[in-house]
PDB file of N, CA and C in Angstrom:
ATOM      1  N   MET A   1     137.205 -31.727 141.412  1.00  0.00           N
ATOM      2  CA  MET A   1     136.096 -31.982 140.506  1.00  0.00           C
ATOM      3  C   MET A   1     135.530 -30.667 139.959  1.00  0.00           C
ATOM      4  N   ARG A   2     135.399 -29.707 140.824  1.00  0.00           N
ATOM      5  CA  ARG A   2     134.862 -28.412 140.434  1.00  0.00           C
ATOM      6  C   ARG A   2     135.771 -27.726 139.417  1.00  0.00           C
ATOM      7  N   THR A   3     137.067 -27.816 139.626  1.00  0.00           N
ATOM      8  CA  THR A   3     138.038 -27.214 138.710  1.00  0.00           C
ATOM      9  C   THR A   3     137.977 -27.890 137.350  1.00  0.00           C
ATOM     10  N   LEU A   4     137.856 -29.209 137.361  1.00  0.00           N
ATOM     11  CA  LEU A   4     137.766 -29.952 136.112  1.00  0.00           C
ATOM     12  C   LEU A   4     136.506 -29.553 135.332  1.00  0.00           C
ATOM     13  N   LEU A   5     135.417 -29.386 136.041  1.00  0.00           N
ATOM     14  CA  LEU A   5     134.166 -28.965 135.408  1.00  0.00           C
ATOM     15  C   LEU A   5     134.302 -27.554 134.824  1.00  0.00           C
ATOM     16  N   LEU A   6     134.952 -26.677 135.560  1.00  0.00           N
ATOM     17  CA  LEU A   6     135.159 -25.316 135.088  1.00  0.00           C
ATOM     18  C   LEU A   6     136.055 -25.300 133.846  1.00  0.00           C
ATOM     19  N   LEU A   7     137.110 -26.101 133.843  1.00  0.00           N
ATOM     20  CA  LEU A   7     137.990 -26.190 132.679  1.00  0.00           C
ATOM     21  C   LEU A   7     137.251 -26.744 131.461  1.00  0.00           C
ATOM     22  N   ALA A   8     136.426 -27.741 131.673  1.00  0.00           N
ATOM     23  CA  ALA A   8     135.651 -28.311 130.570  1.00  0.00           C
ATOM     24  C   ALA A   8     134.680 -27.278 130.009  1.00  0.00           C
ATOM     25  N   LEU A   9     134.069 -26.489 130.877  1.00  0.00           N
ATOM     26  CA  LEU A   9     133.151 -25.455 130.436  1.00  0.00           C
ATOM     27  C   LEU A   9     133.872 -24.384 129.626  1.00  0.00           C
ATOM     28  N   VAL A  10     135.021 -23.949 130.113  1.00  0.00           N
ATOM     29  CA  VAL A  10     135.807 -22.939 129.398  1.00  0.00           C
ATOM     30  C   VAL A  10     136.267 -23.481 128.044  1.00  0.00           C
ATOM     31  N   ALA A  11     136.690 -24.727 128.001  1.00  0.00           N
ATOM     32  CA  ALA A  11     137.147 -25.328 126.742  1.00  0.00           C
ATOM     33  C   ALA A  11     135.999 -25.432 125.738  1.00  0.00           C
ATOM     34  N   SER A  12     134.831 -25.826 126.203  1.00  0.00           N
ATOM     35  CA  SER A  12     133.703 -25.960 125.273  1.00  0.00           C
ATOM     36  C   SER A  12     133.245 -24.609 124.763  1.00  0.00           C
ATOM     37  N   VAL A  13     133.264 -23.596 125.608  1.00  0.00           N
ATOM     38  CA  VAL A  13     132.894 -22.251 125.161  1.00  0.00           C
ATOM     39  C   VAL A  13     133.927 -21.736 124.172  1.00  0.00           C
ATOM     40  N   SER A  14     135.182 -21.975 124.434  1.00  0.00           N
ATOM     41  CA  SER A  14     136.233 -21.530 123.520  1.00  0.00           C
ATOM     42  C   SER A  14     136.108 -22.211 122.172  1.00  0.00           C
ATOM     43  N   LEU A  15     135.849 -23.484 122.165  1.00  0.00           N
ATOM     44  CA  LEU A  15     135.682 -24.204 120.902  1.00  0.00           C
ATOM     45  C   LEU A  15     134.423 -23.755 120.186  1.00  0.00           C
ATOM     46  N   GLY A  16     133.359 -23.546 120.935  1.00  0.00           N
ATOM     47  CA  GLY A  16     132.096 -23.131 120.333  1.00  0.00           C
ATOM     48  C   GLY A  16     132.178 -21.748 119.713  1.00  0.00           C
ATOM     49  N   CYS A  17     132.884 -20.848 120.368  1.00  0.00           N
ATOM     50  CA  CYS A  17     132.994 -19.489 119.845  1.00  0.00           C
ATOM     51  C   CYS A  17     134.072 -19.383 118.780  1.00  0.00           C
ATOM     52  N   GLY A  18     135.007 -20.281 118.791  1.00  0.00           N
ATOM     53  CA  GLY A  18     136.110 -20.183 117.854  1.00  0.00           C
ATOM     54  C   GLY A  18     135.943 -21.003 116.598  1.00  0.00           C
ATOM     55  N   HIS A  19     134.775 -21.600 116.379  1.00  0.00           N
ATOM     56  CA  HIS A  19     134.608 -22.444 115.199  1.00  0.00           C
ATOM     57  C   HIS A  19     134.508 -21.644 113.917  1.00  0.00           C
ATOM     58  N   ARG A  20     134.322 -20.347 114.010  1.00  0.00           N
ATOM     59  CA  ARG A  20     134.265 -19.491 112.826  1.00  0.00           C
ATOM     60  C   ARG A  20     135.435 -18.525 112.871  1.00  0.00           C
ATOM     61  N   SER A  21     136.002 -18.297 111.728  1.00  0.00           N
ATOM     62  CA  SER A  21     137.074 -17.314 111.659  1.00  0.00           C
ATOM     63  C   SER A  21     136.627 -16.162 110.777  1.00  0.00           C
ATOM     64  N   LYS A  22     135.595 -15.485 111.232  1.00  0.00           N
ATOM     65  CA  LYS A  22     135.052 -14.388 110.456  1.00  0.00           C
ATOM     66  C   LYS A  22     134.787 -13.218 111.380  1.00  0.00           C
ATOM     67  N   GLY A  23     134.625 -12.052 110.804  1.00  0.00           N
ATOM     68  CA  GLY A  23     134.335 -10.868 111.584  1.00  0.00           C
ATOM     69  C   GLY A  23     132.907 -10.891 112.094  1.00  0.00           C
ATOM     70  N   ALA A  24     132.623 -10.066 113.059  1.00  0.00           N
ATOM     71  CA  ALA A  24     131.299 -10.054 113.670  1.00  0.00           C
ATOM     72  C   ALA A  24     130.225  -9.563 112.702  1.00  0.00           C
ATOM     73  N   SER A  25     130.612  -8.769 111.718  1.00  0.00           N
ATOM     74  CA  SER A  25     129.602  -8.198 110.836  1.00  0.00           C
ATOM     75  C   SER A  25     129.355  -9.013 109.576  1.00  0.00           C
ATOM     76  N   SER A  26     130.152 -10.018 109.312  1.00  0.00           N
ATOM     77  CA  SER A  26     129.957 -10.803 108.095  1.00  0.00           C
ATOM     78  C   SER A  26     128.996 -11.964 108.355  1.00  0.00           C
ATOM     79  N   PRO A  27     128.125 -12.252 107.393  1.00  0.00           N
ATOM     80  CA  PRO A  27     127.186 -13.353 107.569  1.00  0.00           C
ATOM     81  C   PRO A  27     127.914 -14.695 107.469  1.00  0.00           C
ATOM     82  N   PRO A  28     127.343 -15.730 108.049  1.00  0.00           N
ATOM     83  CA  PRO A  28     127.984 -17.034 107.946  1.00  0.00           C
ATOM     84  C   PRO A  28     127.930 -17.563 106.516  1.00  0.00           C
ATOM     85  N   ALA A  29     128.976 -18.277 106.109  1.00  0.00           N
ATOM     86  CA  ALA A  29     129.002 -18.872 104.772  1.00  0.00           C
ATOM     87  C   ALA A  29     128.042 -20.051 104.694  1.00  0.00           C
ATOM     88  N   CYS A  30     127.888 -20.722 105.825  1.00  0.00           N
ATOM     89  CA  CYS A  30     126.933 -21.823 105.918  1.00  0.00           C
ATOM     90  C   CYS A  30     126.447 -21.899 107.363  1.00  0.00           C
ATOM     91  N   ARG A  31     125.325 -22.593 107.550  1.00  0.00           N
ATOM     92  CA  ARG A  31     124.740 -22.728 108.889  1.00  0.00           C
ATOM     93  C   ARG A  31     125.074 -24.106 109.433  1.00  0.00           C
ATOM     94  N   ASP A  32     125.772 -24.147 110.573  1.00  0.00           N
ATOM     95  CA  ASP A  32     126.095 -25.452 111.139  1.00  0.00           C
ATOM     96  C   ASP A  32     125.577 -25.642 112.557  1.00  0.00           C
ATOM     97  N   ASP A  33     124.942 -24.632 113.135  1.00  0.00           N
ATOM     98  CA  ASP A  33     124.381 -24.788 114.474  1.00  0.00           C
ATOM     99  C   ASP A  33     123.250 -23.781 114.686  1.00  0.00           C
ATOM    100  N   ALA A  34     122.671 -23.841 115.866  1.00  0.00           N
ATOM    101  CA  ALA A  34     121.539 -22.969 116.175  1.00  0.00           C
ATOM    102  C   ALA A  34     121.939 -21.494 116.190  1.00  0.00           C
ATOM    103  N   VAL A  35     123.169 -21.206 116.563  1.00  0.00           N
ATOM    104  CA  VAL A  35     123.639 -19.818 116.574  1.00  0.00           C
ATOM    105  C   VAL A  35     123.634 -19.253 115.152  1.00  0.00           C
ATOM    106  N   ASP A  36     124.129 -20.040 114.203  1.00  0.00           N
ATOM    107  CA  ASP A  36     124.115 -19.604 112.807  1.00  0.00           C
ATOM    108  C   ASP A  36     122.686 -19.442 112.299  1.00  0.00           C
ATOM    109  N   ASP A  37     121.799 -20.374 112.667  1.00  0.00           N
ATOM    110  CA  ASP A  37     120.397 -20.273 112.270  1.00  0.00           C
ATOM    111  C   ASP A  37     119.783 -18.976 112.792  1.00  0.00           C
ATOM    112  N   ALA A  38     120.055 -18.663 114.050  1.00  0.00           N
ATOM    113  CA  ALA A  38     119.523 -17.434 114.645  1.00  0.00           C
ATOM    114  C   ALA A  38     120.109 -16.202 113.963  1.00  0.00           C
ATOM    115  N   GLU A  39     121.399 -16.241 113.678  1.00  0.00           N
ATOM    116  CA  GLU A  39     122.044 -15.106 113.023  1.00  0.00           C
ATOM    117  C   GLU A  39     121.441 -14.852 111.639  1.00  0.00           C
ATOM    118  N   VAL A  40     121.221 -15.919 110.893  1.00  0.00           N
ATOM    119  CA  VAL A  40     120.611 -15.787 109.566  1.00  0.00           C
ATOM    120  C   VAL A  40     119.190 -15.248 109.706  1.00  0.00           C
ATOM    121  N   GLY A  41     118.464 -15.724 110.692  1.00  0.00           N
ATOM    122  CA  GLY A  41     117.103 -15.242 110.918  1.00  0.00           C
ATOM    123  C   GLY A  41     117.061 -13.764 111.268  1.00  0.00           C
ATOM    124  N   VAL A  42     117.972 -13.335 112.113  1.00  0.00           N
ATOM    125  CA  VAL A  42     118.024 -11.926 112.506  1.00  0.00           C
ATOM    126  C   VAL A  42     118.405 -11.055 111.311  1.00  0.00           C
ATOM    127  N   ARG A  43     119.408 -11.487 110.558  1.00  0.00           N
ATOM    128  CA  ARG A  43     119.827 -10.715 109.389  1.00  0.00           C
ATOM    129  C   ARG A  43     118.703 -10.638 108.342  1.00  0.00           C
ATOM    130  N   THR A  44     117.985 -11.741 108.155  1.00  0.00           N
ATOM    131  CA  THR A  44     116.876 -11.762 107.200  1.00  0.00           C
ATOM    132  C   THR A  44     115.760 -10.836 107.662  1.00  0.00           C
ATOM    133  N   GLY A  45     115.437 -10.899 108.944  1.00  0.00           N
ATOM    134  CA  GLY A  45     114.401 -10.021 109.488  1.00  0.00           C
ATOM    135  C   GLY A  45     114.763  -8.552 109.372  1.00  0.00           C
ATOM    136  N   ALA A  46     116.009  -8.241 109.650  1.00  0.00           N
ATOM    137  CA  ALA A  46     116.460  -6.851 109.548  1.00  0.00           C
ATOM    138  C   ALA A  46     116.393  -6.363 108.101  1.00  0.00           C
ATOM    139  N   GLU A  47     116.801  -7.217 107.180  1.00  0.00           N
ATOM    140  CA  GLU A  47     116.747  -6.835 105.759  1.00  0.00           C
ATOM    141  C   GLU A  47     115.304  -6.659 105.308  1.00  0.00           C
ATOM    142  N   GLY A  48     114.405  -7.519 105.787  1.00  0.00           N
ATOM    143  CA  GLY A  48     112.990  -7.383 105.454  1.00  0.00           C
ATOM    144  C   GLY A  48     112.396  -6.095 106.000  1.00  0.00           C
ATOM    145  N   ALA A  49     112.776  -5.740 107.227  1.00  0.00           N
ATOM    146  CA  ALA A  49     112.285  -4.497 107.817  1.00  0.00           C
ATOM    147  C   ALA A  49     112.807  -3.285 107.046  1.00  0.00           C
ATOM    148  N   LYS A  50     114.081  -3.357 106.640  1.00  0.00           N
ATOM    149  CA  LYS A  50     114.660  -2.264 105.865  1.00  0.00           C
ATOM    150  C   LYS A  50     113.941  -2.129 104.517  1.00  0.00           C
ATOM    151  N   THR A  51     113.656  -3.254 103.889  1.00  0.00           N
ATOM    152  CA  THR A  51     112.922  -3.241 102.620  1.00  0.00           C
ATOM    153  C   THR A  51     111.529  -2.642 102.809  1.00  0.00           C
ATOM    154  N   GLY A  52     110.847  -3.040 103.872  1.00  0.00           N
ATOM    155  CA  GLY A  52     109.519  -2.501 104.145  1.00  0.00           C
ATOM    156  C   GLY A  52     109.546  -0.995 104.353  1.00  0.00           C
ATOM    157  N   ALA A  53     110.549  -0.522 105.066  1.00  0.00           N
ATOM    158  CA  ALA A  53     110.654   0.918 105.313  1.00  0.00           C
ATOM    159  C   ALA A  53     110.920   1.685 104.017  1.00  0.00           C
ATOM    160  N   LYS A  54     111.849   1.164 103.206  1.00  0.00           N
ATOM    161  CA  LYS A  54     112.155   1.832 101.940  1.00  0.00           C
ATOM    162  C   LYS A  54     110.934   1.850 101.023  1.00  0.00           C
ATOM    163  N   THR A  55     110.210   0.747 100.980  1.00  0.00           N
ATOM    164  CA  THR A  55     109.021   0.661 100.137  1.00  0.00           C
ATOM    165  C   THR A  55     107.935   1.612 100.629  1.00  0.00           C
ATOM    166  N   ALA A  56     107.785   1.700 101.934  1.00  0.00           N
ATOM    167  CA  ALA A  56     106.798   2.631 102.497  1.00  0.00           C
ATOM    168  C   ALA A  56     107.142   4.078 102.147  1.00  0.00           C
ATOM    169  N   VAL A  57     108.427   4.413 102.222  1.00  0.00           N
ATOM    170  CA  VAL A  57     108.850   5.770 101.864  1.00  0.00           C
ATOM    171  C   VAL A  57     108.532   6.050 100.400  1.00  0.00           C
ATOM    172  N   GLU A  58     108.811   5.090  99.537  1.00  0.00           N
ATOM    173  CA  GLU A  58     108.486   5.272  98.110  1.00  0.00           C
ATOM    174  C   GLU A  58     106.984   5.446  97.912  1.00  0.00           C
ATOM    175  N   GLY A  59     106.184   4.709  98.669  1.00  0.00           N
ATOM    176  CA  GLY A  59     104.732   4.848  98.577  1.00  0.00           C
ATOM    177  C   GLY A  59     104.257   6.228  99.005  1.00  0.00           C
ATOM    178  N   VAL A  60     104.852   6.748 100.065  1.00  0.00           N
ATOM    179  CA  VAL A  60     104.496   8.085 100.525  1.00  0.00           C
ATOM    180  C   VAL A  60     104.899   9.125  99.481  1.00  0.00           C
ATOM    181  N   LYS A  61     106.084   8.946  98.894  1.00  0.00           N
ATOM    182  CA  LYS A  61     106.520   9.861  97.831  1.00  0.00           C
ATOM    183  C   LYS A  61     105.541   9.827  96.649  1.00  0.00           C
ATOM    184  N   THR A  62     105.114   8.633  96.298  1.00  0.00           N
ATOM    185  CA  THR A  62     104.166   8.475  95.192  1.00  0.00           C
ATOM    186  C   THR A  62     102.862   9.204  95.498  1.00  0.00           C
ATOM    187  N   PHE A  63     102.361   9.017  96.695  1.00  0.00           N
ATOM    188  CA  PHE A  63     101.123   9.678  97.092  1.00  0.00           C
ATOM    189  C   PHE A  63     101.286  11.194  97.041  1.00  0.00           C
ATOM    190  N   GLY A  64     102.390  11.685  97.576  1.00  0.00           N
ATOM    191  CA  GLY A  64     102.638  13.126  97.575  1.00  0.00           C
ATOM    192  C   GLY A  64     102.767  13.690  96.171  1.00  0.00           C
ATOM    193  N   SER A  65     103.485  12.968  95.328  1.00  0.00           N
ATOM    194  CA  SER A  65     103.665  13.421  93.952  1.00  0.00           C
ATOM    195  C   SER A  65     102.337  13.435  93.190  1.00  0.00           C
ATOM    196  N   ALA A  66     101.545  12.412  93.382  1.00  0.00           N
ATOM    197  CA  ALA A  66     100.246  12.352  92.703  1.00  0.00           C
ATOM    198  C   ALA A  66      99.327  13.459  93.199  1.00  0.00           C
ATOM    199  N   THR A  67      99.377  13.731  94.498  1.00  0.00           N
ATOM    200  CA  THR A  67      98.561  14.804  95.049  1.00  0.00           C
ATOM    201  C   THR A  67      98.994  16.149  94.472  1.00  0.00           C
ATOM    202  N   ALA A  68     100.306  16.367  94.395  1.00  0.00           N
ATOM    203  CA  ALA A  68     100.822  17.607  93.799  1.00  0.00           C
ATOM    204  C   ALA A  68     100.431  17.686  92.325  1.00  0.00           C
ATOM    205  N   GLY A  69     100.475  16.567  91.630  1.00  0.00           N
ATOM    206  CA  GLY A  69     100.071  16.536  90.228  1.00  0.00           C
ATOM    207  C   GLY A  69      98.618  16.883  90.043  1.00  0.00           C
ATOM    208  N   LEU A  70      97.784  16.444  90.985  1.00  0.00           N
ATOM    209  CA  LEU A  70      96.360  16.759  90.925  1.00  0.00           C
ATOM    210  C   LEU A  70      96.145  18.270  91.049  1.00  0.00           C
ATOM    211  N   VAL A  71      96.894  18.864  91.952  1.00  0.00           N
ATOM    212  CA  VAL A  71      96.761  20.304  92.175  1.00  0.00           C
ATOM    213  C   VAL A  71      97.320  21.089  90.981  1.00  0.00           C
ATOM    214  N   GLN A  72      98.463  20.642  90.473  1.00  0.00           N
ATOM    215  CA  GLN A  72      99.143  21.398  89.414  1.00  0.00           C
ATOM    216  C   GLN A  72      98.544  21.174  88.026  1.00  0.00           C
ATOM    217  N   GLY A  73      98.187  19.936  87.713  1.00  0.00           N
ATOM    218  CA  GLY A  73      97.764  19.673  86.334  1.00  0.00           C
ATOM    219  C   GLY A  73      96.489  18.890  86.189  1.00  0.00           C
ATOM    220  N   GLY A  74      95.798  18.656  87.257  1.00  0.00           N
ATOM    221  CA  GLY A  74      94.533  17.938  87.166  1.00  0.00           C
ATOM    222  C   GLY A  74      94.712  16.427  87.270  1.00  0.00           C
ATOM    223  N   SER A  75      93.633  15.724  86.975  1.00  0.00           N
ATOM    224  CA  SER A  75      93.623  14.272  87.184  1.00  0.00           C
ATOM    225  C   SER A  75      94.560  13.532  86.228  1.00  0.00           C
ATOM    226  N   ASP A  76      94.738  14.018  85.018  1.00  0.00           N
ATOM    227  CA  ASP A  76      95.653  13.345  84.089  1.00  0.00           C
ATOM    228  C   ASP A  76      97.098  13.402  84.600  1.00  0.00           C
ATOM    229  N   GLU A  77      97.490  14.553  85.113  1.00  0.00           N
ATOM    230  CA  GLU A  77      98.835  14.701  85.683  1.00  0.00           C
ATOM    231  C   GLU A  77      98.986  13.814  86.914  1.00  0.00           C
ATOM    232  N   ALA A  78      97.956  13.773  87.736  1.00  0.00           N
ATOM    233  CA  ALA A  78      97.989  12.938  88.940  1.00  0.00           C
ATOM    234  C   ALA A  78      98.138  11.465  88.566  1.00  0.00           C
ATOM    235  N   LYS A  79      97.403  11.013  87.559  1.00  0.00           N
ATOM    236  CA  LYS A  79      97.494   9.612  87.115  1.00  0.00           C
ATOM    237  C   LYS A  79      98.885   9.295  86.585  1.00  0.00           C
ATOM    238  N   ALA A  80      99.446  10.216  85.809  1.00  0.00           N
ATOM    239  CA  ALA A  80     100.788   9.989  85.257  1.00  0.00           C
ATOM    240  C   ALA A  80     101.825   9.896  86.377  1.00  0.00           C
ATOM    241  N   ARG A  81     101.733  10.797  87.332  1.00  0.00           N
ATOM    242  CA  ARG A  81     102.683  10.759  88.452  1.00  0.00           C
ATOM    243  C   ARG A  81     102.482   9.516  89.310  1.00  0.00           C
ATOM    244  N   TRP A  82     101.223   9.116  89.497  1.00  0.00           N
ATOM    245  CA  TRP A  82     100.935   7.922  90.283  1.00  0.00           C
ATOM    246  C   TRP A  82     101.543   6.690  89.614  1.00  0.00           C
ATOM    247  N   LYS A  83     101.358   6.590  88.309  1.00  0.00           N
ATOM    248  CA  LYS A  83     101.895   5.442  87.581  1.00  0.00           C
ATOM    249  C   LYS A  83     103.424   5.411  87.668  1.00  0.00           C
ATOM    250  N   GLU A  84     104.052   6.567  87.475  1.00  0.00           N
ATOM    251  CA  GLU A  84     105.510   6.652  87.566  1.00  0.00           C
ATOM    252  C   GLU A  84     105.999   6.274  88.973  1.00  0.00           C
ATOM    253  N   GLY A  85     105.332   6.811  89.978  1.00  0.00           N
ATOM    254  CA  GLY A  85     105.703   6.496  91.358  1.00  0.00           C
ATOM    255  C   GLY A  85     105.447   5.041  91.703  1.00  0.00           C
ATOM    256  N   SER A  86     104.375   4.512  91.146  1.00  0.00           N
ATOM    257  CA  SER A  86     104.039   3.110  91.385  1.00  0.00           C
ATOM    258  C   SER A  86     105.125   2.186  90.852  1.00  0.00           C
ATOM    259  N   GLU A  87     105.631   2.507  89.680  1.00  0.00           N
ATOM    260  CA  GLU A  87     106.726   1.705  89.103  1.00  0.00           C
ATOM    261  C   GLU A  87     107.978   1.773  89.973  1.00  0.00           C
ATOM    262  N   GLN A  88     108.287   2.962  90.486  1.00  0.00           N
ATOM    263  CA  GLN A  88     109.460   3.118  91.349  1.00  0.00           C
ATOM    264  C   GLN A  88     109.285   2.345  92.653  1.00  0.00           C
ATOM    265  N   THR A  89     108.082   2.409  93.210  1.00  0.00           N
ATOM    266  CA  THR A  89     107.798   1.675  94.443  1.00  0.00           C
ATOM    267  C   THR A  89     107.925   0.172  94.213  1.00  0.00           C
ATOM    268  N   LYS A  90     107.398  -0.290  93.096  1.00  0.00           N
ATOM    269  CA  LYS A  90     107.472  -1.716  92.763  1.00  0.00           C
ATOM    270  C   LYS A  90     108.923  -2.150  92.590  1.00  0.00           C
ATOM    271  N   GLU A  91     109.713  -1.329  91.912  1.00  0.00           N
ATOM    272  CA  GLU A  91     111.132  -1.644  91.707  1.00  0.00           C
ATOM    273  C   GLU A  91     111.877  -1.716  93.042  1.00  0.00           C
ATOM    274  N   THR A  92     111.597  -0.772  93.918  1.00  0.00           N
ATOM    275  CA  THR A  92     112.231  -0.770  95.239  1.00  0.00           C
ATOM    276  C   THR A  92     111.859  -2.032  96.017  1.00  0.00           C
ATOM    277  N   ALA A  93     110.595  -2.408  95.959  1.00  0.00           N
ATOM    278  CA  ALA A  93     110.137  -3.599  96.667  1.00  0.00           C
ATOM    279  C   ALA A  93     110.787  -4.864  96.113  1.00  0.00           C
ATOM    280  N   HIS A  94     110.903  -4.961  94.800  1.00  0.00           N
ATOM    281  CA  HIS A  94     111.513  -6.149  94.192  1.00  0.00           C
ATOM    282  C   HIS A  94     113.005  -6.242  94.510  1.00  0.00           C
ATOM    283  N   GLU A  95     113.699  -5.108  94.465  1.00  0.00           N
ATOM    284  CA  GLU A  95     115.123  -5.111  94.811  1.00  0.00           C
ATOM    285  C   GLU A  95     115.321  -5.529  96.262  1.00  0.00           C
ATOM    286  N   GLY A  96     114.504  -4.973  97.148  1.00  0.00           N
ATOM    287  CA  GLY A  96     114.605  -5.326  98.562  1.00  0.00           C
ATOM    288  C   GLY A  96     114.239  -6.778  98.809  1.00  0.00           C
ATOM    289  N   GLY A  97     113.245  -7.261  98.099  1.00  0.00           N
ATOM    290  CA  GLY A  97     112.863  -8.664  98.237  1.00  0.00           C
ATOM    291  C   GLY A  97     113.965  -9.599  97.797  1.00  0.00           C
ATOM    292  N   ALA A  98     114.648  -9.241  96.727  1.00  0.00           N
ATOM    293  CA  ALA A  98     115.761 -10.071  96.255  1.00  0.00           C
ATOM    294  C   ALA A  98     116.895 -10.084  97.274  1.00  0.00           C
ATOM    295  N   GLU A  99     117.173  -8.930  97.869  1.00  0.00           N
ATOM    296  CA  GLU A  99     118.234  -8.856  98.876  1.00  0.00           C
ATOM    297  C   GLU A  99     117.847  -9.651 100.127  1.00  0.00           C
ATOM    298  N   THR A 100     116.580  -9.563 100.522  1.00  0.00           N
ATOM    299  CA  THR A 100     116.107 -10.328 101.679  1.00  0.00           C
ATOM    300  C   THR A 100     116.215 -11.826 101.410  1.00  0.00           C
ATOM    301  N   LYS A 101     115.831 -12.235 100.214  1.00  0.00           N
ATOM    302  CA  LYS A 101     115.924 -13.651  99.853  1.00  0.00           C
ATOM    303  C   LYS A 101     117.372 -14.117  99.864  1.00  0.00           C
ATOM    304  N   LYS A 102     118.275 -13.262  99.367  1.00  0.00           N
ATOM    305  CA  LYS A 102     119.691 -13.600  99.356  1.00  0.00           C
ATOM    306  C   LYS A 102     120.198 -13.792 100.791  1.00  0.00           C
ATOM    307  N   ARG A 103     119.761 -12.937 101.701  1.00  0.00           N
ATOM    308  CA  ARG A 103     120.177 -13.053 103.103  1.00  0.00           C
ATOM    309  C   ARG A 103     119.674 -14.335 103.736  1.00  0.00           C
ATOM    310  N   SER A 104     118.498 -14.799 103.304  1.00  0.00           N
ATOM    311  CA  SER A 104     117.910 -15.982 103.932  1.00  0.00           C
ATOM    312  C   SER A 104     118.436 -17.291 103.354  1.00  0.00           C
ATOM    313  N   ASN A 105     119.023 -17.247 102.172  1.00  0.00           N
ATOM    314  CA  ASN A 105     119.496 -18.470 101.523  1.00  0.00           C
ATOM    315  C   ASN A 105     120.937 -18.800 101.895  1.00  0.00           C
ATOM    316  N   VAL A 106     121.125 -19.161 103.155  1.00  0.00           N
ATOM    317  CA  VAL A 106     122.430 -19.606 103.631  1.00  0.00           C
ATOM    318  C   VAL A 106     122.315 -21.115 103.828  1.00  0.00           C
ATOM    319  N   PRO A 107     123.072 -21.890 103.064  1.00  0.00           N
ATOM    320  CA  PRO A 107     122.917 -23.346 103.122  1.00  0.00           C
ATOM    321  C   PRO A 107     123.460 -23.955 104.419  1.00  0.00           C
ATOM    322  N   ARG A 108     123.021 -25.150 104.689  1.00  0.00           N
ATOM    323  CA  ARG A 108     123.561 -25.930 105.804  1.00  0.00           C
ATOM    324  C   ARG A 108     124.993 -26.343 105.477  1.00  0.00           C
ATOM    325  N   CYS A 109     125.849 -26.371 106.499  1.00  0.00           N
ATOM    326  CA  CYS A 109     127.226 -26.841 106.302  1.00  0.00           C
ATOM    327  C   CYS A 109     127.207 -28.351 106.152  1.00  0.00           C
ATOM    328  N   LYS A 110     128.150 -28.843 105.401  1.00  0.00           N
ATOM    329  CA  LYS A 110     128.216 -30.293 105.184  1.00  0.00           C
ATOM    330  C   LYS A 110     129.223 -30.933 106.086  1.00  0.00           C
TER     331      LYS A 110
END
């Protein structure tokens, strides 16, 4: 009985792990179980964190550039640099948001 139970466990694990024929680094084409749901969630979270970090870096660059502009050319230069940096930060955030959304939109398998 114990051997039969062990064989059934090994068979179910083999079937469960072998239902996908993809590499470990590729996202699932569709979600068909809790493992896929978790994988999509982790990938989405990681992409969101990466987007947040990139956006924060752009914000720091903007602040630094505007501060340098204030020192070099006064408030008009600072405003111009701030506006330019703000646009770059916004663009970075939108690109990252689109990538995060793409990572999260994995449909259910049929």
